[in-house]
N, C-alpha and C. Protein backbone atom coordinates (compact mmCIF):
# COMPACT_ATOMS: atom_id res chain seq x y z
N ALA A 1 0.85 -1.19 0.00
CA ALA A 1 0.00 0.00 0.00
C ALA A 1 0.88 1.24 0.00
N GLU A 2 0.43 2.21 -0.71
CA GLU A 2 1.17 3.47 -0.82
C GLU A 2 0.88 4.34 0.40
N ALA A 3 1.92 4.93 0.97
CA ALA A 3 1.77 5.77 2.16
C ALA A 3 1.11 7.09 1.78
N ALA A 4 0.25 7.57 2.65
CA ALA A 4 -0.41 8.86 2.43
C ALA A 4 0.58 9.99 2.67
N LEU A 5 0.44 11.05 1.91
CA LEU A 5 1.30 12.21 2.09
C LEU A 5 0.82 13.04 3.28
N VAL A 6 1.76 13.60 4.01
CA VAL A 6 1.47 14.46 5.15
C VAL A 6 1.45 15.90 4.67
N ASP A 7 0.37 16.63 5.00
CA ASP A 7 0.30 18.05 4.65
C ASP A 7 -0.32 18.83 5.80
N GLU A 8 -0.68 20.10 5.56
CA GLU A 8 -1.21 20.94 6.64
C GLU A 8 -2.59 20.50 7.13
N HIS A 9 -3.23 19.57 6.44
CA HIS A 9 -4.55 19.07 6.85
C HIS A 9 -4.48 17.70 7.52
N THR A 10 -3.29 17.16 7.66
CA THR A 10 -3.12 15.84 8.26
C THR A 10 -3.34 15.91 9.77
N SER A 11 -4.13 14.99 10.30
CA SER A 11 -4.40 14.93 11.74
C SER A 11 -3.47 13.91 12.38
N PHE A 12 -3.03 14.21 13.58
CA PHE A 12 -2.21 13.30 14.35
C PHE A 12 -2.86 13.09 15.71
N GLN A 13 -2.79 11.88 16.21
CA GLN A 13 -3.30 11.60 17.55
C GLN A 13 -2.22 12.01 18.55
N LEU A 14 -2.52 13.00 19.39
CA LEU A 14 -1.52 13.53 20.31
C LEU A 14 -1.50 12.79 21.64
N GLY A 15 -2.66 12.36 22.10
CA GLY A 15 -2.74 11.58 23.34
C GLY A 15 -1.99 12.22 24.49
N ALA A 16 -1.09 11.45 25.09
CA ALA A 16 -0.42 11.85 26.32
C ALA A 16 0.49 13.06 26.17
N SER A 17 0.88 13.43 24.95
CA SER A 17 1.76 14.59 24.80
C SER A 17 1.05 15.88 25.21
N THR A 18 -0.26 15.88 25.23
CA THR A 18 -0.99 17.08 25.64
C THR A 18 -1.06 17.21 27.16
N HIS A 19 -0.75 16.16 27.90
CA HIS A 19 -0.81 16.22 29.36
C HIS A 19 0.15 17.26 29.92
N VAL A 20 1.35 17.33 29.38
CA VAL A 20 2.35 18.28 29.88
C VAL A 20 1.89 19.71 29.61
N LEU A 21 1.45 19.99 28.42
CA LEU A 21 0.97 21.33 28.08
C LEU A 21 -0.22 21.70 28.96
N GLY A 22 -1.16 20.78 29.14
CA GLY A 22 -2.32 21.03 29.99
C GLY A 22 -1.91 21.32 31.42
N ALA A 23 -0.93 20.59 31.94
CA ALA A 23 -0.47 20.80 33.32
C ALA A 23 0.16 22.18 33.49
N VAL A 24 0.93 22.61 32.52
CA VAL A 24 1.57 23.93 32.58
C VAL A 24 0.51 25.03 32.53
N LEU A 25 -0.46 24.89 31.62
CA LEU A 25 -1.51 25.89 31.51
C LEU A 25 -2.38 25.93 32.77
N LEU A 26 -2.67 24.77 33.35
CA LEU A 26 -3.45 24.73 34.58
C LEU A 26 -2.69 25.40 35.73
N ALA A 27 -1.41 25.05 35.89
CA ALA A 27 -0.61 25.65 36.96
C ALA A 27 -0.56 27.17 36.82
N ASP A 28 -0.44 27.65 35.59
CA ASP A 28 -0.42 29.09 35.36
C ASP A 28 -1.77 29.72 35.71
N SER A 29 -2.87 29.05 35.35
CA SER A 29 -4.21 29.56 35.68
C SER A 29 -4.44 29.60 37.19
N VAL A 30 -3.93 28.59 37.90
CA VAL A 30 -4.04 28.56 39.36
C VAL A 30 -3.20 29.68 39.97
N ARG A 31 -1.98 29.85 39.45
CA ARG A 31 -1.09 30.91 39.96
C ARG A 31 -1.72 32.28 39.80
N ARG A 32 -2.43 32.51 38.69
CA ARG A 32 -3.07 33.81 38.44
C ARG A 32 -4.42 33.94 39.13
N GLY A 33 -4.88 32.89 39.82
CA GLY A 33 -6.15 32.94 40.54
C GLY A 33 -7.37 32.71 39.69
N GLU A 34 -7.20 32.27 38.45
CA GLU A 34 -8.34 32.03 37.56
C GLU A 34 -9.02 30.69 37.85
N LEU A 35 -8.28 29.73 38.35
CA LEU A 35 -8.79 28.40 38.69
C LEU A 35 -8.22 27.99 40.04
N ALA A 36 -8.84 26.99 40.63
CA ALA A 36 -8.32 26.38 41.86
C ALA A 36 -8.43 24.87 41.69
N TYR A 37 -7.48 24.15 42.24
CA TYR A 37 -7.48 22.69 42.09
C TYR A 37 -8.72 22.06 42.71
N ASP A 38 -9.29 22.70 43.75
CA ASP A 38 -10.48 22.13 44.40
C ASP A 38 -11.79 22.65 43.82
N ARG A 39 -11.73 23.38 42.72
CA ARG A 39 -12.94 23.91 42.09
C ARG A 39 -13.66 22.79 41.34
N PRO A 40 -14.97 22.64 41.54
CA PRO A 40 -15.72 21.61 40.81
C PRO A 40 -15.68 21.86 39.30
N VAL A 41 -15.51 20.81 38.56
CA VAL A 41 -15.47 20.90 37.10
C VAL A 41 -16.79 21.47 36.57
N SER A 42 -17.89 21.14 37.20
CA SER A 42 -19.19 21.64 36.73
C SER A 42 -19.29 23.16 36.80
N ASP A 43 -18.53 23.82 37.70
CA ASP A 43 -18.51 25.28 37.75
C ASP A 43 -17.89 25.87 36.49
N VAL A 44 -16.91 25.17 35.95
CA VAL A 44 -16.18 25.65 34.79
C VAL A 44 -16.89 25.28 33.49
N LEU A 45 -17.48 24.10 33.44
CA LEU A 45 -18.06 23.61 32.20
C LEU A 45 -19.59 23.69 32.15
N SER A 46 -20.20 24.34 33.11
CA SER A 46 -21.67 24.37 33.15
C SER A 46 -22.28 24.99 31.90
N ARG A 47 -21.61 25.92 31.29
CA ARG A 47 -22.18 26.54 30.09
C ARG A 47 -22.22 25.57 28.91
N HIS A 48 -21.55 24.43 29.03
CA HIS A 48 -21.56 23.43 27.98
C HIS A 48 -22.57 22.32 28.25
N CYS A 49 -23.46 22.55 29.20
CA CYS A 49 -24.54 21.61 29.51
C CYS A 49 -24.04 20.27 30.04
N ILE A 50 -22.94 20.28 30.76
CA ILE A 50 -22.45 19.07 31.39
C ILE A 50 -23.02 19.02 32.80
N PRO A 51 -23.68 17.93 33.16
CA PRO A 51 -24.26 17.86 34.50
C PRO A 51 -23.17 17.83 35.56
N PRO A 52 -23.47 18.29 36.78
CA PRO A 52 -22.48 18.18 37.85
C PRO A 52 -22.11 16.71 38.05
N LEU A 53 -20.84 16.41 38.02
CA LEU A 53 -20.39 15.03 38.21
C LEU A 53 -20.03 14.85 39.67
N VAL A 54 -20.73 13.95 40.33
CA VAL A 54 -20.46 13.64 41.73
C VAL A 54 -20.28 12.14 41.87
N ASP A 55 -19.47 11.74 42.85
CA ASP A 55 -19.28 10.31 43.06
C ASP A 55 -20.34 9.80 44.04
N ARG A 56 -20.22 8.55 44.41
CA ARG A 56 -21.26 7.94 45.25
C ARG A 56 -21.38 8.58 46.63
N SER A 57 -20.33 9.29 47.08
CA SER A 57 -20.41 9.99 48.36
C SER A 57 -20.82 11.45 48.17
N LYS A 58 -21.25 11.78 46.95
CA LYS A 58 -21.70 13.14 46.58
C LYS A 58 -20.57 14.16 46.55
N GLN A 59 -19.33 13.69 46.48
CA GLN A 59 -18.17 14.58 46.34
C GLN A 59 -18.09 15.01 44.87
N PRO A 60 -17.95 16.33 44.59
CA PRO A 60 -17.88 16.76 43.19
C PRO A 60 -16.54 16.43 42.55
N LEU A 61 -16.58 16.23 41.26
CA LEU A 61 -15.36 16.07 40.48
C LEU A 61 -14.68 17.43 40.39
N THR A 62 -13.40 17.50 40.74
CA THR A 62 -12.70 18.78 40.76
C THR A 62 -11.63 18.85 39.67
N ILE A 63 -11.16 20.06 39.44
CA ILE A 63 -10.04 20.29 38.52
C ILE A 63 -8.84 19.46 38.97
N GLY A 64 -8.62 19.38 40.28
CA GLY A 64 -7.50 18.60 40.81
C GLY A 64 -7.61 17.12 40.49
N HIS A 65 -8.82 16.57 40.53
CA HIS A 65 -9.00 15.16 40.16
C HIS A 65 -8.59 14.92 38.71
N LEU A 66 -8.99 15.84 37.83
CA LEU A 66 -8.61 15.69 36.42
C LEU A 66 -7.09 15.83 36.25
N ALA A 67 -6.50 16.80 36.94
CA ALA A 67 -5.07 17.07 36.79
C ALA A 67 -4.20 15.93 37.31
N THR A 68 -4.68 15.21 38.31
CA THR A 68 -3.87 14.14 38.91
C THR A 68 -4.31 12.74 38.49
N ASN A 69 -5.20 12.68 37.49
CA ASN A 69 -5.71 11.39 36.99
C ASN A 69 -6.36 10.56 38.08
N THR A 70 -7.02 11.22 39.03
CA THR A 70 -7.72 10.51 40.09
C THR A 70 -9.23 10.70 39.99
N ALA A 71 -9.72 10.96 38.77
CA ALA A 71 -11.15 11.13 38.54
C ALA A 71 -11.85 9.78 38.39
N ALA A 72 -11.10 8.70 38.36
CA ALA A 72 -11.64 7.35 38.22
C ALA A 72 -12.34 7.15 36.88
N PHE A 73 -11.96 7.92 35.89
CA PHE A 73 -12.53 7.74 34.55
C PHE A 73 -12.01 6.44 33.95
N PRO A 74 -12.85 5.76 33.17
CA PRO A 74 -12.35 4.59 32.44
C PRO A 74 -11.41 5.05 31.32
N ARG A 75 -10.55 4.16 30.84
CA ARG A 75 -9.64 4.52 29.76
C ARG A 75 -10.42 5.05 28.57
N LEU A 76 -11.50 4.39 28.22
CA LEU A 76 -12.40 4.85 27.17
C LEU A 76 -13.81 4.86 27.74
N ALA A 77 -14.55 5.90 27.46
CA ALA A 77 -15.95 5.92 27.87
C ALA A 77 -16.68 4.79 27.16
N PRO A 78 -17.68 4.20 27.80
CA PRO A 78 -18.36 3.04 27.22
C PRO A 78 -18.84 3.25 25.79
N ASP A 79 -19.43 4.40 25.49
CA ASP A 79 -19.94 4.64 24.14
C ASP A 79 -18.82 4.70 23.12
N ILE A 80 -17.69 5.27 23.48
CA ILE A 80 -16.55 5.35 22.57
C ILE A 80 -15.96 3.96 22.38
N ALA A 81 -15.82 3.22 23.45
CA ALA A 81 -15.20 1.89 23.39
C ALA A 81 -16.00 0.92 22.53
N THR A 82 -17.30 1.04 22.50
CA THR A 82 -18.11 0.09 21.75
C THR A 82 -18.41 0.53 20.33
N ASN A 83 -18.25 1.81 20.03
CA ASN A 83 -18.62 2.31 18.71
C ASN A 83 -17.44 2.76 17.87
N SER A 84 -16.23 2.37 18.22
CA SER A 84 -15.06 2.88 17.51
C SER A 84 -14.12 1.77 17.10
N ASP A 85 -13.22 2.13 16.25
CA ASP A 85 -12.13 1.26 15.84
C ASP A 85 -11.13 1.25 16.99
N LEU A 86 -10.92 0.11 17.64
CA LEU A 86 -10.05 0.07 18.82
C LEU A 86 -8.59 0.40 18.49
N ALA A 87 -8.19 0.28 17.23
CA ALA A 87 -6.83 0.67 16.86
C ALA A 87 -6.68 2.19 16.92
N ASP A 88 -7.77 2.92 16.72
CA ASP A 88 -7.78 4.38 16.80
C ASP A 88 -9.14 4.80 17.36
N PRO A 89 -9.35 4.61 18.68
CA PRO A 89 -10.68 4.79 19.26
C PRO A 89 -11.22 6.22 19.22
N PHE A 90 -10.38 7.20 18.96
CA PHE A 90 -10.84 8.58 18.97
C PHE A 90 -11.11 9.11 17.56
N ARG A 91 -10.88 8.29 16.54
CA ARG A 91 -11.13 8.71 15.16
C ARG A 91 -12.61 9.03 15.00
N GLY A 92 -12.90 10.16 14.45
CA GLY A 92 -14.27 10.53 14.18
C GLY A 92 -15.02 11.08 15.37
N ILE A 93 -14.38 11.17 16.54
CA ILE A 93 -15.06 11.70 17.72
C ILE A 93 -15.07 13.22 17.62
N THR A 94 -16.22 13.80 17.79
CA THR A 94 -16.37 15.25 17.70
C THR A 94 -16.57 15.84 19.10
N ARG A 95 -16.49 17.15 19.20
CA ARG A 95 -16.74 17.83 20.47
C ARG A 95 -18.14 17.50 20.97
N ASP A 96 -19.12 17.57 20.07
CA ASP A 96 -20.50 17.26 20.47
C ASP A 96 -20.63 15.81 20.91
N GLY A 97 -19.89 14.91 20.26
CA GLY A 97 -19.91 13.50 20.65
C GLY A 97 -19.36 13.28 22.04
N VAL A 98 -18.28 14.00 22.38
CA VAL A 98 -17.69 13.89 23.72
C VAL A 98 -18.66 14.43 24.77
N LEU A 99 -19.26 15.59 24.51
CA LEU A 99 -20.21 16.17 25.47
C LEU A 99 -21.41 15.26 25.66
N LYS A 100 -21.91 14.64 24.58
CA LYS A 100 -23.03 13.71 24.68
C LYS A 100 -22.63 12.50 25.51
N CYS A 101 -21.41 12.01 25.29
CA CYS A 101 -20.92 10.85 26.03
C CYS A 101 -20.82 11.15 27.52
N ILE A 102 -20.35 12.34 27.87
CA ILE A 102 -20.23 12.71 29.28
C ILE A 102 -21.60 12.81 29.93
N ALA A 103 -22.57 13.36 29.20
CA ALA A 103 -23.91 13.54 29.75
C ALA A 103 -24.70 12.23 29.77
N ASP A 104 -24.23 11.22 29.06
CA ASP A 104 -24.93 9.94 28.95
C ASP A 104 -24.85 9.16 30.27
N GLY A 105 -25.90 8.48 30.60
CA GLY A 105 -25.93 7.69 31.83
C GLY A 105 -24.89 6.59 31.90
N ASN A 106 -24.47 6.03 30.74
CA ASN A 106 -23.46 4.96 30.75
C ASN A 106 -22.14 5.46 31.30
N PHE A 107 -21.74 6.66 30.89
CA PHE A 107 -20.48 7.22 31.37
C PHE A 107 -20.56 7.50 32.86
N LEU A 108 -21.65 8.11 33.28
CA LEU A 108 -21.81 8.43 34.69
C LEU A 108 -21.86 7.16 35.54
N ALA A 109 -22.48 6.11 35.01
CA ALA A 109 -22.54 4.85 35.75
C ALA A 109 -21.15 4.24 35.91
N SER A 110 -20.27 4.46 34.92
CA SER A 110 -18.91 3.90 35.02
C SER A 110 -18.11 4.57 36.13
N LEU A 111 -18.52 5.79 36.53
CA LEU A 111 -17.84 6.49 37.61
C LEU A 111 -18.25 5.98 38.99
N ALA A 112 -19.36 5.26 39.06
CA ALA A 112 -19.90 4.84 40.35
C ALA A 112 -19.06 3.77 41.05
N GLN A 113 -18.10 3.19 40.34
CA GLN A 113 -17.29 2.13 40.92
C GLN A 113 -16.32 2.63 41.98
N HIS A 114 -15.87 3.87 41.88
CA HIS A 114 -14.85 4.40 42.79
C HIS A 114 -15.23 5.83 43.21
N SER A 115 -14.69 6.26 44.33
CA SER A 115 -14.83 7.65 44.74
C SER A 115 -13.75 8.47 44.07
N PHE A 116 -14.06 9.72 43.71
CA PHE A 116 -13.06 10.59 43.12
C PHE A 116 -11.89 10.72 44.09
N GLY A 117 -10.70 10.66 43.56
CA GLY A 117 -9.51 10.80 44.38
C GLY A 117 -9.02 9.50 44.99
N SER A 118 -9.77 8.41 44.82
CA SER A 118 -9.39 7.15 45.47
C SER A 118 -8.58 6.22 44.59
N VAL A 119 -8.54 6.49 43.29
CA VAL A 119 -7.84 5.58 42.39
C VAL A 119 -7.19 6.38 41.27
N PHE A 120 -6.00 5.94 40.85
CA PHE A 120 -5.29 6.57 39.74
C PHE A 120 -5.62 5.80 38.47
N SER A 121 -6.05 6.51 37.43
CA SER A 121 -6.36 5.85 36.18
C SER A 121 -6.07 6.83 35.05
N LEU A 122 -5.10 6.51 34.23
CA LEU A 122 -4.74 7.38 33.12
C LEU A 122 -5.76 7.24 32.01
N SER A 123 -6.35 8.35 31.62
CA SER A 123 -7.37 8.37 30.57
C SER A 123 -7.08 9.53 29.67
N ASN A 124 -6.95 9.26 28.38
CA ASN A 124 -6.72 10.34 27.41
C ASN A 124 -8.04 10.96 27.02
């Protein structure tokens, strides 16, 4: 098979390489007082119609949980894992698809297994 040419429209899966950039931007936002590690994610993303995410003890999901990979998220949300090519599970996923997946009961049910902050799980 002939290799595809790479140009300015070629997409690359960045995955974990974005973690470092995200951590630097978050630390800078905290330093400037724009965010706090203990701030609930729903306070920041409420305008995107994401329901408040709470664990079984009613503790809210915080910016700190996301930053330290202790949100207990599954590696892939159930809807993504079952409807995608496992060799490239994020292919074709749109912003609206991610927001729908977060608001879906299947994703929220997958969080019920652990309390936020109780388990480390790397999720891209």
